[in-house]
Amino acid sequence: MPYNSQRVLYDGSGNNPIPQYYNQDQDKYEPNKGMAGGASSHALGTIAYDSWEGNANITKTFSKACVGLFLANDGTGDVIVSINSLSFKIKAGETFAMKFEPFTTLQITTSSAYRAIVGR
């Protein structure tokens, strides 16, 4: 459901909305509990969601939208990655880290050894 179909949270008096955020996975507002009374936050793409290594073509599908990718090409050949409408090449020995528009699928075309991590 969209955020605007849920009620926001209020303090004990019921008169004042509390600091909060909308959790789209749970479809509800939750208190924003930071340190020393401050709001909590994290930069998109910095929370690791999945990691794997391989040396063959693969299509990965994620149940939640991801926005970050780190890939290390440990082999001797190219690794070609396709995310959304972009395709790019990571040469042997290179590492790659970037944020993207949200994606749930990526394709890797290679026979070179690599390690990858996606972030939310």
PDB file of N, CA and C in Angstrom:
ATOM      1  N   MET A   1       0.840  -1.184   0.000  1.00  0.00           N
ATOM      2  CA  MET A   1       0.000   0.000   0.000  1.00  0.00           C
ATOM      3  C   MET A   1       0.883   1.245   0.000  1.00  0.00           C
ATOM      4  N   PRO A   2       0.386   2.355  -0.486  1.00  0.00           N
ATOM      5  CA  PRO A   2       1.186   3.582  -0.464  1.00  0.00           C
ATOM      6  C   PRO A   2       1.228   4.197   0.933  1.00  0.00           C
ATOM      7  N   TYR A   3       2.267   4.975   1.168  1.00  0.00           N
ATOM      8  CA  TYR A   3       2.467   5.597   2.472  1.00  0.00           C
ATOM      9  C   TYR A   3       1.285   6.459   2.897  1.00  0.00           C
ATOM     10  N   ASN A   4       0.588   7.070   1.950  1.00  0.00           N
ATOM     11  CA  ASN A   4      -0.479   7.992   2.311  1.00  0.00           C
ATOM     12  C   ASN A   4      -1.790   7.294   2.665  1.00  0.00           C
ATOM     13  N   SER A   5      -1.779   5.964   2.721  1.00  0.00           N
ATOM     14  CA  SER A   5      -2.975   5.244   3.151  1.00  0.00           C
ATOM     15  C   SER A   5      -2.834   4.749   4.592  1.00  0.00           C
ATOM     16  N   GLN A   6      -1.686   5.056   5.232  1.00  0.00           N
ATOM     17  CA  GLN A   6      -1.431   4.620   6.603  1.00  0.00           C
ATOM     18  C   GLN A   6      -1.421   5.827   7.532  1.00  0.00           C
ATOM     19  N   ARG A   7      -1.836   5.604   8.787  1.00  0.00           N
ATOM     20  CA  ARG A   7      -1.834   6.678   9.782  1.00  0.00           C
ATOM     21  C   ARG A   7      -0.424   6.882  10.325  1.00  0.00           C
ATOM     22  N   VAL A   8      -0.073   8.145  10.535  1.00  0.00           N
ATOM     23  CA  VAL A   8       1.204   8.450  11.154  1.00  0.00           C
ATOM     24  C   VAL A   8       1.111   8.170  12.653  1.00  0.00           C
ATOM     25  N   LEU A   9       2.261   8.070  13.320  1.00  0.00           N
ATOM     26  CA  LEU A   9       2.326   7.778  14.747  1.00  0.00           C
ATOM     27  C   LEU A   9       2.317   9.067  15.557  1.00  0.00           C
ATOM     28  N   TYR A  10       1.692   9.003  16.739  1.00  0.00           N
ATOM     29  CA  TYR A  10       1.599  10.165  17.626  1.00  0.00           C
ATOM     30  C   TYR A  10       2.194   9.838  18.991  1.00  0.00           C
ATOM     31  N   ASP A  11       2.522  10.889  19.735  1.00  0.00           N
ATOM     32  CA  ASP A  11       3.050  10.699  21.087  1.00  0.00           C
ATOM     33  C   ASP A  11       1.932  10.234  22.027  1.00  0.00           C
ATOM     34  N   GLY A  12       2.285  10.073  23.316  1.00  0.00           N
ATOM     35  CA  GLY A  12       1.327   9.568  24.302  1.00  0.00           C
ATOM     36  C   GLY A  12       0.076  10.413  24.438  1.00  0.00           C
ATOM     37  N   SER A  13       0.177  11.725  24.191  1.00  0.00           N
ATOM     38  CA  SER A  13      -1.003  12.588  24.310  1.00  0.00           C
ATOM     39  C   SER A  13      -1.941  12.417  23.115  1.00  0.00           C
ATOM     40  N   GLY A  14      -1.406  11.843  22.038  1.00  0.00           N
ATOM     41  CA  GLY A  14      -2.219  11.696  20.833  1.00  0.00           C
ATOM     42  C   GLY A  14      -2.342  12.953  20.018  1.00  0.00           C
ATOM     43  N   ASN A  15      -1.627  14.022  20.415  1.00  0.00           N
ATOM     44  CA  ASN A  15      -1.736  15.310  19.739  1.00  0.00           C
ATOM     45  C   ASN A  15      -0.565  15.637  18.830  1.00  0.00           C
ATOM     46  N   ASN A  16       0.589  15.061  19.079  1.00  0.00           N
ATOM     47  CA  ASN A  16       1.806  15.446  18.363  1.00  0.00           C
ATOM     48  C   ASN A  16       2.400  14.259  17.616  1.00  0.00           C
ATOM     49  N   PRO A  17       2.594  14.402  16.316  1.00  0.00           N
ATOM     50  CA  PRO A  17       3.251  13.316  15.581  1.00  0.00           C
ATOM     51  C   PRO A  17       4.703  13.183  16.037  1.00  0.00           C
ATOM     52  N   ILE A  18       5.198  11.955  16.104  1.00  0.00           N
ATOM     53  CA  ILE A  18       6.574  11.699  16.522  1.00  0.00           C
ATOM     54  C   ILE A  18       7.473  11.602  15.293  1.00  0.00           C
ATOM     55  N   PRO A  19       8.814  11.728  15.467  1.00  0.00           N
ATOM     56  CA  PRO A  19       9.722  11.484  14.338  1.00  0.00           C
ATOM     57  C   PRO A  19       9.548  10.036  13.860  1.00  0.00           C
ATOM     58  N   GLN A  20       9.375   9.854  12.569  1.00  0.00           N
ATOM     59  CA  GLN A  20       9.051   8.539  12.035  1.00  0.00           C
ATOM     60  C   GLN A  20       9.433   8.437  10.581  1.00  0.00           C
ATOM     61  N   TYR A  21       9.378   7.216  10.079  1.00  0.00           N
ATOM     62  CA  TYR A  21       9.613   6.960   8.660  1.00  0.00           C
ATOM     63  C   TYR A  21       8.633   5.889   8.221  1.00  0.00           C
ATOM     64  N   TYR A  22       8.387   5.841   6.933  1.00  0.00           N
ATOM     65  CA  TYR A  22       7.492   4.821   6.383  1.00  0.00           C
ATOM     66  C   TYR A  22       8.324   3.620   5.950  1.00  0.00           C
ATOM     67  N   ASN A  23       8.043   2.459   6.536  1.00  0.00           N
ATOM     68  CA  ASN A  23       8.729   1.216   6.187  1.00  0.00           C
ATOM     69  C   ASN A  23       7.909   0.530   5.105  1.00  0.00           C
ATOM     70  N   GLN A  24       8.363   0.614   3.847  1.00  0.00           N
ATOM     71  CA  GLN A  24       7.570   0.057   2.747  1.00  0.00           C
ATOM     72  C   GLN A  24       7.529  -1.464   2.773  1.00  0.00           C
ATOM     73  N   ASP A  25       8.527  -2.108   3.394  1.00  0.00           N
ATOM     74  CA  ASP A  25       8.500  -3.569   3.498  1.00  0.00           C
ATOM     75  C   ASP A  25       7.419  -4.038   4.468  1.00  0.00           C
ATOM     76  N   GLN A  26       7.190  -3.268   5.529  1.00  0.00           N
ATOM     77  CA  GLN A  26       6.187  -3.622   6.538  1.00  0.00           C
ATOM     78  C   GLN A  26       4.856  -2.904   6.312  1.00  0.00           C
ATOM     79  N   ASP A  27       4.830  -1.940   5.383  1.00  0.00           N
ATOM     80  CA  ASP A  27       3.640  -1.148   5.072  1.00  0.00           C
ATOM     81  C   ASP A  27       3.093  -0.431   6.301  1.00  0.00           C
ATOM     82  N   LYS A  28       4.003   0.237   7.042  1.00  0.00           N
ATOM     83  CA  LYS A  28       3.559   1.001   8.207  1.00  0.00           C
ATOM     84  C   LYS A  28       4.621   2.038   8.576  1.00  0.00           C
ATOM     85  N   TYR A  29       4.187   3.021   9.344  1.00  0.00           N
ATOM     86  CA  TYR A  29       5.123   4.001   9.893  1.00  0.00           C
ATOM     87  C   TYR A  29       5.767   3.412  11.142  1.00  0.00           C
ATOM     88  N   GLU A  30       7.066   3.731  11.350  1.00  0.00           N
ATOM     89  CA  GLU A  30       7.796   3.261  12.510  1.00  0.00           C
ATOM     90  C   GLU A  30       8.560   4.434  13.109  1.00  0.00           C
ATOM     91  N   PRO A  31       8.752   4.426  14.433  1.00  0.00           N
ATOM     92  CA  PRO A  31       9.526   5.511  15.055  1.00  0.00           C
ATOM     93  C   PRO A  31      10.936   5.575  14.486  1.00  0.00           C
ATOM     94  N   ASN A  32      11.423   6.784  14.288  1.00  0.00           N
ATOM     95  CA  ASN A  32      12.785   7.002  13.812  1.00  0.00           C
ATOM     96  C   ASN A  32      13.664   7.139  15.044  1.00  0.00           C
ATOM     97  N   LYS A  33      14.354   6.062  15.408  1.00  0.00           N
ATOM     98  CA  LYS A  33      15.134   6.009  16.640  1.00  0.00           C
ATOM     99  C   LYS A  33      16.618   6.163  16.328  1.00  0.00           C
ATOM    100  N   GLY A  34      17.125   7.366  16.453  1.00  0.00           N
ATOM    101  CA  GLY A  34      18.541   7.604  16.260  1.00  0.00           C
ATOM    102  C   GLY A  34      19.250   7.688  17.594  1.00  0.00           C
ATOM    103  N   MET A  35      20.527   7.991  17.541  1.00  0.00           N
ATOM    104  CA  MET A  35      21.296   8.137  18.776  1.00  0.00           C
ATOM    105  C   MET A  35      21.054   9.502  19.395  1.00  0.00           C
ATOM    106  N   ALA A  36      20.993   9.560  20.724  1.00  0.00           N
ATOM    107  CA  ALA A  36      20.850  10.805  21.487  1.00  0.00           C
ATOM    108  C   ALA A  36      19.670  11.645  21.006  1.00  0.00           C
ATOM    109  N   GLY A  37      18.603  10.981  20.595  1.00  0.00           N
ATOM    110  CA  GLY A  37      17.398  11.683  20.175  1.00  0.00           C
ATOM    111  C   GLY A  37      17.403  12.168  18.746  1.00  0.00           C
ATOM    112  N   GLY A  38      18.492  11.963  18.028  1.00  0.00           N
ATOM    113  CA  GLY A  38      18.561  12.405  16.633  1.00  0.00           C
ATOM    114  C   GLY A  38      17.928  11.386  15.697  1.00  0.00           C
ATOM    115  N   ALA A  39      17.641  11.814  14.501  1.00  0.00           N
ATOM    116  CA  ALA A  39      17.077  10.923  13.490  1.00  0.00           C
ATOM    117  C   ALA A  39      18.152   9.975  12.970  1.00  0.00           C
ATOM    118  N   SER A  40      17.755   8.755  12.663  1.00  0.00           N
ATOM    119  CA  SER A  40      18.710   7.810  12.075  1.00  0.00           C
ATOM    120  C   SER A  40      18.596   7.873  10.555  1.00  0.00           C
ATOM    121  N   SER A  41      19.687   7.561   9.897  1.00  0.00           N
ATOM    122  CA  SER A  41      19.661   7.543   8.434  1.00  0.00           C
ATOM    123  C   SER A  41      20.819   6.686   7.934  1.00  0.00           C
ATOM    124  N   HIS A  42      20.735   6.295   6.683  1.00  0.00           N
ATOM    125  CA  HIS A  42      21.858   5.645   6.012  1.00  0.00           C
ATOM    126  C   HIS A  42      21.793   6.013   4.540  1.00  0.00           C
ATOM    127  N   ALA A  43      22.941   6.101   3.939  1.00  0.00           N
ATOM    128  CA  ALA A  43      23.002   6.428   2.520  1.00  0.00           C
ATOM    129  C   ALA A  43      22.525   5.222   1.711  1.00  0.00           C
ATOM    130  N   LEU A  44      21.690   5.475   0.724  1.00  0.00           N
ATOM    131  CA  LEU A  44      21.202   4.382  -0.118  1.00  0.00           C
ATOM    132  C   LEU A  44      22.368   3.652  -0.759  1.00  0.00           C
ATOM    133  N   GLY A  45      22.256   2.344  -0.799  1.00  0.00           N
ATOM    134  CA  GLY A  45      23.283   1.526  -1.425  1.00  0.00           C
ATOM    135  C   GLY A  45      24.393   1.107  -0.487  1.00  0.00           C
ATOM    136  N   THR A  46      24.342   1.546   0.790  1.00  0.00           N
ATOM    137  CA  THR A  46      25.418   1.225   1.720  1.00  0.00           C
ATOM    138  C   THR A  46      25.098   0.053   2.632  1.00  0.00           C
ATOM    139  N   ILE A  47      23.901  -0.480   2.555  1.00  0.00           N
ATOM    140  CA  ILE A  47      23.523  -1.643   3.356  1.00  0.00           C
ATOM    141  C   ILE A  47      23.669  -2.876   2.470  1.00  0.00           C
ATOM    142  N   ALA A  48      24.606  -3.759   2.796  1.00  0.00           N
ATOM    143  CA  ALA A  48      24.828  -4.959   1.982  1.00  0.00           C
ATOM    144  C   ALA A  48      23.579  -5.833   2.011  1.00  0.00           C
ATOM    145  N   TYR A  49      23.174  -6.302   0.844  1.00  0.00           N
ATOM    146  CA  TYR A  49      21.965  -7.113   0.729  1.00  0.00           C
ATOM    147  C   TYR A  49      22.260  -8.535   0.257  1.00  0.00           C
ATOM    148  N   ASP A  50      23.189  -8.696  -0.663  1.00  0.00           N
ATOM    149  CA  ASP A  50      23.531 -10.022  -1.177  1.00  0.00           C
ATOM    150  C   ASP A  50      24.981  -9.990  -1.654  1.00  0.00           C
ATOM    151  N   SER A  51      25.647 -11.118  -1.542  1.00  0.00           N
ATOM    152  CA  SER A  51      27.007 -11.229  -2.069  1.00  0.00           C
ATOM    153  C   SER A  51      27.196 -12.623  -2.641  1.00  0.00           C
ATOM    154  N   TRP A  52      28.069 -12.715  -3.633  1.00  0.00           N
ATOM    155  CA  TRP A  52      28.367 -13.991  -4.261  1.00  0.00           C
ATOM    156  C   TRP A  52      29.655 -13.854  -5.051  1.00  0.00           C
ATOM    157  N   GLU A  53      30.170 -14.979  -5.465  1.00  0.00           N
ATOM    158  CA  GLU A  53      31.315 -14.978  -6.372  1.00  0.00           C
ATOM    159  C   GLU A  53      31.052 -16.016  -7.452  1.00  0.00           C
ATOM    160  N   GLY A  54      31.700 -15.830  -8.572  1.00  0.00           N
ATOM    161  CA  GLY A  54      31.482 -16.757  -9.674  1.00  0.00           C
ATOM    162  C   GLY A  54      32.508 -16.572 -10.773  1.00  0.00           C
ATOM    163  N   ASN A  55      32.292 -17.315 -11.859  1.00  0.00           N
ATOM    164  CA  ASN A  55      33.151 -17.198 -13.041  1.00  0.00           C
ATOM    165  C   ASN A  55      32.382 -17.641 -14.283  1.00  0.00           C
ATOM    166  N   ALA A  56      31.059 -17.407 -14.262  1.00  0.00           N
ATOM    167  CA  ALA A  56      30.213 -17.793 -15.390  1.00  0.00           C
ATOM    168  C   ALA A  56      29.062 -16.804 -15.517  1.00  0.00           C
ATOM    169  N   ASN A  57      28.373 -16.862 -16.642  1.00  0.00           N
ATOM    170  CA  ASN A  57      27.217 -16.004 -16.873  1.00  0.00           C
ATOM    171  C   ASN A  57      26.149 -16.286 -15.819  1.00  0.00           C
ATOM    172  N   ILE A  58      25.490 -15.219 -15.375  1.00  0.00           N
ATOM    173  CA  ILE A  58      24.432 -15.380 -14.382  1.00  0.00           C
ATOM    174  C   ILE A  58      23.461 -14.215 -14.483  1.00  0.00           C
ATOM    175  N   THR A  59      22.202 -14.485 -14.207  1.00  0.00           N
ATOM    176  CA  THR A  59      21.197 -13.444 -14.014  1.00  0.00           C
ATOM    177  C   THR A  59      20.744 -13.553 -12.574  1.00  0.00           C
ATOM    178  N   LYS A  60      20.896 -12.482 -11.805  1.00  0.00           N
ATOM    179  CA  LYS A  60      20.493 -12.456 -10.404  1.00  0.00           C
ATOM    180  C   LYS A  60      19.222 -11.644 -10.280  1.00  0.00           C
ATOM    181  N   THR A  61      18.253 -12.172  -9.535  1.00  0.00           N
ATOM    182  CA  THR A  61      17.007 -11.467  -9.255  1.00  0.00           C
ATOM    183  C   THR A  61      16.895 -11.313  -7.746  1.00  0.00           C
ATOM    184  N   PHE A  62      16.587 -10.113  -7.296  1.00  0.00           N
ATOM    185  CA  PHE A  62      16.510  -9.793  -5.883  1.00  0.00           C
ATOM    186  C   PHE A  62      15.066  -9.501  -5.499  1.00  0.00           C
ATOM    187  N   SER A  63      14.658  -9.924  -4.314  1.00  0.00           N
ATOM    188  CA  SER A  63      13.278  -9.729  -3.880  1.00  0.00           C
ATOM    189  C   SER A  63      13.011  -8.292  -3.434  1.00  0.00           C
ATOM    190  N   LYS A  64      14.062  -7.535  -3.154  1.00  0.00           N
ATOM    191  CA  LYS A  64      13.932  -6.124  -2.777  1.00  0.00           C
ATOM    192  C   LYS A  64      14.779  -5.291  -3.717  1.00  0.00           C
ATOM    193  N   ALA A  65      14.348  -4.066  -3.935  1.00  0.00           N
ATOM    194  CA  ALA A  65      15.084  -3.179  -4.838  1.00  0.00           C
ATOM    195  C   ALA A  65      16.455  -2.847  -4.258  1.00  0.00           C
ATOM    196  N   CYS A  66      17.468  -2.933  -5.089  1.00  0.00           N
ATOM    197  CA  CYS A  66      18.845  -2.608  -4.728  1.00  0.00           C
ATOM    198  C   CYS A  66      19.263  -1.357  -5.496  1.00  0.00           C
ATOM    199  N   VAL A  67      20.274  -0.664  -4.968  1.00  0.00           N
ATOM    200  CA  VAL A  67      20.757   0.539  -5.643  1.00  0.00           C
ATOM    201  C   VAL A  67      22.272   0.591  -5.772  1.00  0.00           C
ATOM    202  N   GLY A  68      22.983  -0.318  -5.106  1.00  0.00           N
ATOM    203  CA  GLY A  68      24.442  -0.275  -5.149  1.00  0.00           C
ATOM    204  C   GLY A  68      25.048  -1.575  -5.640  1.00  0.00           C
ATOM    205  N   LEU A  69      26.210  -1.477  -6.285  1.00  0.00           N
ATOM    206  CA  LEU A  69      26.958  -2.651  -6.731  1.00  0.00           C
ATOM    207  C   LEU A  69      28.439  -2.409  -6.512  1.00  0.00           C
ATOM    208  N   PHE A  70      29.093  -3.403  -5.920  1.00  0.00           N
ATOM    209  CA  PHE A  70      30.554  -3.462  -5.876  1.00  0.00           C
ATOM    210  C   PHE A  70      30.951  -4.766  -6.545  1.00  0.00           C
ATOM    211  N   LEU A  71      31.910  -4.717  -7.448  1.00  0.00           N
ATOM    212  CA  LEU A  71      32.378  -5.924  -8.128  1.00  0.00           C
ATOM    213  C   LEU A  71      33.886  -5.850  -8.280  1.00  0.00           C
ATOM    214  N   ALA A  72      34.565  -6.945  -7.925  1.00  0.00           N
ATOM    215  CA  ALA A  72      36.013  -7.066  -8.124  1.00  0.00           C
ATOM    216  C   ALA A  72      36.244  -8.148  -9.165  1.00  0.00           C
ATOM    217  N   ASN A  73      36.926  -7.792 -10.247  1.00  0.00           N
ATOM    218  CA  ASN A  73      37.269  -8.759 -11.286  1.00  0.00           C
ATOM    219  C   ASN A  73      38.619  -9.367 -10.911  1.00  0.00           C
ATOM    220  N   ASP A  74      38.560 -10.608 -10.408  1.00  0.00           N
ATOM    221  CA  ASP A  74      39.768 -11.294  -9.964  1.00  0.00           C
ATOM    222  C   ASP A  74      40.407 -12.128 -11.063  1.00  0.00           C
ATOM    223  N   GLY A  75      39.761 -12.197 -12.230  1.00  0.00           N
ATOM    224  CA  GLY A  75      40.239 -13.061 -13.300  1.00  0.00           C
ATOM    225  C   GLY A  75      41.075 -12.341 -14.330  1.00  0.00           C
ATOM    226  N   THR A  76      41.195 -12.977 -15.484  1.00  0.00           N
ATOM    227  CA  THR A  76      42.026 -12.440 -16.557  1.00  0.00           C
ATOM    228  C   THR A  76      41.218 -11.920 -17.735  1.00  0.00           C
ATOM    229  N   GLY A  77      39.898 -12.114 -17.705  1.00  0.00           N
ATOM    230  CA  GLY A  77      39.035 -11.637 -18.787  1.00  0.00           C
ATOM    231  C   GLY A  77      38.114 -10.522 -18.317  1.00  0.00           C
ATOM    232  N   ASP A  78      37.300 -10.013 -19.231  1.00  0.00           N
ATOM    233  CA  ASP A  78      36.344  -8.948 -18.913  1.00  0.00           C
ATOM    234  C   ASP A  78      35.122  -9.513 -18.193  1.00  0.00           C
ATOM    235  N   VAL A  79      34.505  -8.680 -17.359  1.00  0.00           N
ATOM    236  CA  VAL A  79      33.205  -8.969 -16.758  1.00  0.00           C
ATOM    237  C   VAL A  79      32.257  -7.891 -17.281  1.00  0.00           C
ATOM    238  N   ILE A  80      31.183  -8.301 -17.928  1.00  0.00           N
ATOM    239  CA  ILE A  80      30.198  -7.356 -18.456  1.00  0.00           C
ATOM    240  C   ILE A  80      28.961  -7.440 -17.577  1.00  0.00           C
ATOM    241  N   VAL A  81      28.544  -6.285 -17.062  1.00  0.00           N
ATOM    242  CA  VAL A  81      27.398  -6.200 -16.166  1.00  0.00           C
ATOM    243  C   VAL A  81      26.312  -5.383 -16.846  1.00  0.00           C
ATOM    244  N   SER A  82      25.066  -5.844 -16.730  1.00  0.00           N
ATOM    245  CA  SER A  82      23.903  -5.104 -17.234  1.00  0.00           C
ATOM    246  C   SER A  82      22.943  -4.871 -16.076  1.00  0.00           C
ATOM    247  N   ILE A  83      22.645  -3.600 -15.832  1.00  0.00           N
ATOM    248  CA  ILE A  83      21.690  -3.185 -14.811  1.00  0.00           C
ATOM    249  C   ILE A  83      20.786  -2.144 -15.441  1.00  0.00           C
ATOM    250  N   ASN A  84      19.470  -2.335 -15.274  1.00  0.00           N
ATOM    251  CA  ASN A  84      18.490  -1.461 -15.911  1.00  0.00           C
ATOM    252  C   ASN A  84      18.811  -1.410 -17.408  1.00  0.00           C
ATOM    253  N   SER A  85      19.018  -0.260 -17.981  1.00  0.00           N
ATOM    254  CA  SER A  85      19.314  -0.179 -19.413  1.00  0.00           C
ATOM    255  C   SER A  85      20.807   0.040 -19.678  1.00  0.00           C
ATOM    256  N   LEU A  86      21.632  -0.078 -18.642  1.00  0.00           N
ATOM    257  CA  LEU A  86      23.073   0.146 -18.782  1.00  0.00           C
ATOM    258  C   LEU A  86      23.833  -1.168 -18.859  1.00  0.00           C
ATOM    259  N   SER A  87      24.853  -1.204 -19.700  1.00  0.00           N
ATOM    260  CA  SER A  87      25.808  -2.313 -19.732  1.00  0.00           C
ATOM    261  C   SER A  87      27.197  -1.711 -19.683  1.00  0.00           C
ATOM    262  N   PHE A  88      28.080  -2.328 -18.899  1.00  0.00           N
ATOM    263  CA  PHE A  88      29.427  -1.794 -18.763  1.00  0.00           C
ATOM    264  C   PHE A  88      30.397  -2.936 -18.527  1.00  0.00           C
ATOM    265  N   LYS A  89      31.668  -2.658 -18.810  1.00  0.00           N
ATOM    266  CA  LYS A  89      32.720  -3.670 -18.766  1.00  0.00           C
ATOM    267  C   LYS A  89      33.690  -3.347 -17.641  1.00  0.00           C
ATOM    268  N   ILE A  90      34.018  -4.385 -16.854  1.00  0.00           N
ATOM    269  CA  ILE A  90      35.035  -4.270 -15.826  1.00  0.00           C
ATOM    270  C   ILE A  90      36.210  -5.140 -16.272  1.00  0.00           C
ATOM    271  N   LYS A  91      37.331  -4.514 -16.524  1.00  0.00           N
ATOM    272  CA  LYS A  91      38.510  -5.206 -17.051  1.00  0.00           C
ATOM    273  C   LYS A  91      39.199  -6.028 -15.962  1.00  0.00           C
ATOM    274  N   ALA A  92      40.014  -6.979 -16.366  1.00  0.00           N
ATOM    275  CA  ALA A  92      40.767  -7.837 -15.445  1.00  0.00           C
ATOM    276  C   ALA A  92      41.534  -6.994 -14.434  1.00  0.00           C
ATOM    277  N   GLY A  93      41.415  -7.373 -13.170  1.00  0.00           N
ATOM    278  CA  GLY A  93      42.132  -6.676 -12.112  1.00  0.00           C
ATOM    279  C   GLY A  93      41.452  -5.421 -11.595  1.00  0.00           C
ATOM    280  N   GLU A  94      40.384  -4.958 -12.235  1.00  0.00           N
ATOM    281  CA  GLU A  94      39.702  -3.745 -11.804  1.00  0.00           C
ATOM    282  C   GLU A  94      38.649  -4.048 -10.745  1.00  0.00           C
ATOM    283  N   THR A  95      38.324  -3.013  -9.967  1.00  0.00           N
ATOM    284  CA  THR A  95      37.168  -3.055  -9.088  1.00  0.00           C
ATOM    285  C   THR A  95      36.201  -1.975  -9.543  1.00  0.00           C
ATOM    286  N   PHE A  96      34.939  -2.147  -9.184  1.00  0.00           N
ATOM    287  CA  PHE A  96      33.893  -1.233  -9.621  1.00  0.00           C
ATOM    288  C   PHE A  96      32.926  -1.036  -8.458  1.00  0.00           C
ATOM    289  N   ALA A  97      32.566   0.201  -8.182  1.00  0.00           N
ATOM    290  CA  ALA A  97      31.561   0.518  -7.167  1.00  0.00           C
ATOM    291  C   ALA A  97      30.731   1.685  -7.668  1.00  0.00           C
ATOM    292  N   MET A  98      29.404   1.526  -7.662  1.00  0.00           N
ATOM    293  CA  MET A  98      28.532   2.587  -8.168  1.00  0.00           C
ATOM    294  C   MET A  98      27.135   2.393  -7.605  1.00  0.00           C
ATOM    295  N   LYS A  99      26.377   3.496  -7.577  1.00  0.00           N
ATOM    296  CA  LYS A  99      24.961   3.460  -7.226  1.00  0.00           C
ATOM    297  C   LYS A  99      24.149   3.668  -8.501  1.00  0.00           C
ATOM    298  N   PHE A 100      22.942   3.104  -8.504  1.00  0.00           N
ATOM    299  CA  PHE A 100      22.072   3.113  -9.684  1.00  0.00           C
ATOM    300  C   PHE A 100      20.659   3.482  -9.282  1.00  0.00           C
ATOM    301  N   GLU A 101      19.835   3.736 -10.285  1.00  0.00           N
ATOM    302  CA  GLU A 101      18.405   3.778 -10.041  1.00  0.00           C
ATOM    303  C   GLU A 101      18.025   2.391  -9.517  1.00  0.00           C
ATOM    304  N   PRO A 102      16.977   2.276  -8.686  1.00  0.00           N
ATOM    305  CA  PRO A 102      16.633   0.968  -8.118  1.00  0.00           C
ATOM    306  C   PRO A 102      16.518  -0.127  -9.180  1.00  0.00           C
ATOM    307  N   PHE A 103      17.058  -1.305  -8.837  1.00  0.00           N
ATOM    308  CA  PHE A 103      16.990  -2.453  -9.739  1.00  0.00           C
ATOM    309  C   PHE A 103      16.703  -3.714  -8.934  1.00  0.00           C
ATOM    310  N   THR A 104      16.068  -4.684  -9.575  1.00  0.00           N
ATOM    311  CA  THR A 104      15.806  -5.977  -8.942  1.00  0.00           C
ATOM    312  C   THR A 104      16.463  -7.110  -9.718  1.00  0.00           C
ATOM    313  N   THR A 105      17.043  -6.797 -10.861  1.00  0.00           N
ATOM    314  CA  THR A 105      17.703  -7.814 -11.683  1.00  0.00           C
ATOM    315  C   THR A 105      19.008  -7.252 -12.224  1.00  0.00           C
ATOM    316  N   LEU A 106      20.034  -8.108 -12.256  1.00  0.00           N
ATOM    317  CA  LEU A 106      21.258  -7.747 -12.968  1.00  0.00           C
ATOM    318  C   LEU A 106      21.768  -8.982 -13.689  1.00  0.00           C
ATOM    319  N   GLN A 107      22.497  -8.735 -14.774  1.00  0.00           N
ATOM    320  CA  GLN A 107      23.089  -9.818 -15.550  1.00  0.00           C
ATOM    321  C   GLN A 107      24.598  -9.649 -15.569  1.00  0.00           C
ATOM    322  N   ILE A 108      25.301 -10.753 -15.425  1.00  0.00           N
ATOM    323  CA  ILE A 108      26.756 -10.764 -15.542  1.00  0.00           C
ATOM    324  C   ILE A 108      27.112 -11.750 -16.648  1.00  0.00           C
ATOM    325  N   THR A 109      27.933 -11.276 -17.575  1.00  0.00           N
ATOM    326  CA  THR A 109      28.408 -12.108 -18.678  1.00  0.00           C
ATOM    327  C   THR A 109      29.919 -12.187 -18.571  1.00  0.00           C
ATOM    328  N   THR A 110      30.434 -13.402 -18.321  1.00  0.00           N
ATOM    329  CA  THR A 110      31.876 -13.548 -18.131  1.00  0.00           C
ATOM    330  C   THR A 110      32.268 -15.014 -18.042  1.00  0.00           C
ATOM    331  N   SER A 111      33.553 -15.266 -18.185  1.00  0.00           N
ATOM    332  CA  SER A 111      34.136 -16.548 -17.799  1.00  0.00           C
ATOM    333  C   SER A 111      35.295 -16.274 -16.847  1.00  0.00           C
ATOM    334  N   SER A 112      35.373 -15.025 -16.393  1.00  0.00           N
ATOM    335  CA  SER A 112      36.439 -14.568 -15.503  1.00  0.00           C
ATOM    336  C   SER A 112      35.952 -14.627 -14.052  1.00  0.00           C
ATOM    337  N   ALA A 113      36.840 -14.937 -13.128  1.00  0.00           N
ATOM    338  CA  ALA A 113      36.485 -14.988 -11.710  1.00  0.00           C
ATOM    339  C   ALA A 113      36.190 -13.577 -11.194  1.00  0.00           C
ATOM    340  N   TYR A 114      35.145 -13.456 -10.369  1.00  0.00           N
ATOM    341  CA  TYR A 114      34.773 -12.163  -9.809  1.00  0.00           C
ATOM    342  C   TYR A 114      34.112 -12.360  -8.448  1.00  0.00           C
ATOM    343  N   ARG A 115      34.021 -11.267  -7.690  1.00  0.00           N
ATOM    344  CA  ARG A 115      33.271 -11.203  -6.423  1.00  0.00           C
ATOM    345  C   ARG A 115      32.354 -10.000  -6.509  1.00  0.00           C
ATOM    346  N   ALA A 116      31.094 -10.152  -6.024  1.00  0.00           N
ATOM    347  CA  ALA A 116      30.128  -9.068  -6.130  1.00  0.00           C
ATOM    348  C   ALA A 116      29.325  -8.919  -4.838  1.00  0.00           C
ATOM    349  N   ILE A 117      28.949  -7.674  -4.557  1.00  0.00           N
ATOM    350  CA  ILE A 117      28.051  -7.346  -3.453  1.00  0.00           C
ATOM    351  C   ILE A 117      27.065  -6.313  -3.973  1.00  0.00           C
ATOM    352  N   VAL A 118      25.775  -6.517  -3.680  1.00  0.00           N
ATOM    353  CA  VAL A 118      24.773  -5.494  -3.996  1.00  0.00           C
ATOM    354  C   VAL A 118      24.277  -4.889  -2.692  1.00  0.00           C
ATOM    355  N   GLY A 119      23.910  -3.629  -2.751  1.00  0.00           N
ATOM    356  CA  GLY A 119      23.436  -2.916  -1.574  1.00  0.00           C
ATOM    357  C   GLY A 119      22.087  -2.276  -1.780  1.00  0.00           C
ATOM    358  N   ARG A 120      21.410  -2.074  -0.659  1.00  0.00           N
ATOM    359  CA  ARG A 120      20.101  -1.414  -0.649  1.00  0.00           C
ATOM    360  C   ARG A 120      20.239  -0.009  -0.099  1.00  0.00           C
TER     361      ARG A 120
END
